[in-house]
C-alpha atoms as a PDB file:
ATOM      1  CA  MET A   1       0.424   0.116   0.111  1.00  0.00           C
ATOM      2  CA  PHE A   2       0.900   3.506  -1.250  1.00  0.00           C
ATOM      3  CA  GLY A   3       4.788   1.482  -2.079  1.00  0.00           C
ATOM      4  CA  ILE A   4       5.808   0.779   1.497  1.00  0.00           C
ATOM      5  CA  GLU A   5       5.973  -2.593   2.471  1.00  0.00           C
ATOM      6  CA  ASP A   6       7.885  -2.733   5.469  1.00  0.00           C
ATOM      7  CA  LYS A   7       5.226  -3.525   8.287  1.00  0.00           C
ATOM      8  CA  TRP A   8       7.560  -1.095  11.251  1.00  0.00           C
ATOM      9  CA  VAL A   9       7.188   2.154   8.594  1.00  0.00           C
ATOM     10  CA  TRP A  10       3.445   2.053   8.607  1.00  0.00           C
ATOM     11  CA  LEU A  11       3.784   1.400  11.974  1.00  0.00           C
ATOM     12  CA  ALA A  12       5.769   4.579  12.795  1.00  0.00           C
ATOM     13  CA  TYR A  13       3.337   5.847  10.760  1.00  0.00           C
ATOM     14  CA  LEU A  14       0.018   5.194  12.279  1.00  0.00           C
ATOM     15  CA  LEU A  15       2.131   5.614  15.936  1.00  0.00           C
ATOM     16  CA  CYS A  16       2.528   9.318  14.733  1.00  0.00           C
ATOM     17  CA  ILE A  17      -0.935   9.724  13.610  1.00  0.00           C
ATOM     18  CA  LEU A  18      -2.417   8.112  16.687  1.00  0.00           C
ATOM     19  CA  SER A  19       0.245  10.374  18.827  1.00  0.00           C
ATOM     20  CA  SER A  20      -1.043  13.819  17.229  1.00  0.00           C
ATOM     21  CA  LEU A  21      -4.584  12.810  17.808  1.00  0.00           C
ATOM     22  CA  LEU A  22      -4.011  12.047  21.211  1.00  0.00           C
ATOM     23  CA  CYS A  23      -2.734  15.635  21.255  1.00  0.00           C
ATOM     24  CA  VAL A  24      -5.200  17.618  19.571  1.00  0.00           C
ATOM     25  CA  GLY A  25      -7.295  15.824  21.990  1.00  0.00           C
ATOM     26  CA  TYR A  26      -6.304  16.407  24.836  1.00  0.00           C
ATOM     27  CA  GLY A  27      -5.795  20.040  23.643  1.00  0.00           C
ATOM     28  CA  LEU A  28      -9.301  20.243  23.673  1.00  0.00           C
ATOM     29  CA  ALA A  29     -10.229  19.135  26.387  1.00  0.00           C
ATOM     30  CA  ASN A  30      -8.262  21.092  28.440  1.00  0.00           C
ATOM     31  CA  TRP A  31      -9.106  24.079  26.586  1.00  0.00           C
ATOM     32  CA  ASN A  32     -10.808  26.408  28.414  1.00  0.00           C
ATOM     33  CA  LYS A  33      -9.993  24.719  32.033  1.00  0.00           C
ATOM     34  CA  GLY A  34      -9.190  27.800  33.862  1.00  0.00           C
ATOM     35  CA  GLU A  35      -6.275  28.939  35.929  1.00  0.00           C
ATOM     36  CA  GLU A  36      -4.341  27.802  38.541  1.00  0.00           C
ATOM     37  CA  PRO A  37      -4.639  29.354  41.980  1.00  0.00           C
ATOM     38  CA  VAL A  38      -1.716  32.134  42.855  1.00  0.00           C
ATOM     39  CA  GLU A  39       0.443  30.202  45.665  1.00  0.00           C
ATOM     40  CA  GLN A  40       2.908  32.335  48.278  1.00  0.00           C
ATOM     41  CA  ASP A  41       5.704  31.210  46.919  1.00  0.00           C
ATOM     42  CA  ASP A  42       4.756  32.649  43.491  1.00  0.00           C
ATOM     43  CA  ILE A  43       4.174  35.914  44.879  1.00  0.00           C
ATOM     44  CA  ARG A  44       7.785  35.813  46.574  1.00  0.00           C
ATOM     45  CA  TRP A  45       9.192  34.312  43.055  1.00  0.00           C
ATOM     46  CA  ALA A  46       7.513  37.524  41.077  1.00  0.00           C
ATOM     47  CA  ALA A  47       9.015  39.727  43.834  1.00  0.00           C
ATOM     48  CA  GLU A  48      12.219  38.777  43.784  1.00  0.00           C
ATOM     49  CA  GLU A  49      12.540  38.661  40.010  1.00  0.00           C
ATOM     50  CA  LYS A  50      11.262  42.144  39.806  1.00  0.00           C
ATOM     51  CA  ARG A  51      13.647  43.152  42.324  1.00  0.00           C
ATOM     52  CA  VAL A  52      16.510  41.003  40.363  1.00  0.00           C
ATOM     53  CA  GLU A  53      15.638  43.266  36.938  1.00  0.00           C
ATOM     54  CA  GLU A  54      15.639  46.428  39.015  1.00  0.00           C
ATOM     55  CA  GLU A  55      19.334  46.253  40.457  1.00  0.00           C
ATOM     56  CA  LEU A  56      20.631  45.157  36.753  1.00  0.00           C
END
């Protein structure tokens, strides 16, 4: 079929197509899921990052 006789080449093509479909499905399922809550560590990291940038 299509000039490809080796079953391993077909398997590689099939797995590429299936993995692409899986990625698209995952993206659609999590499209508008919402944001994660902001934690104290995130706030401290942002403040430290801003302070470092201002020093440079």
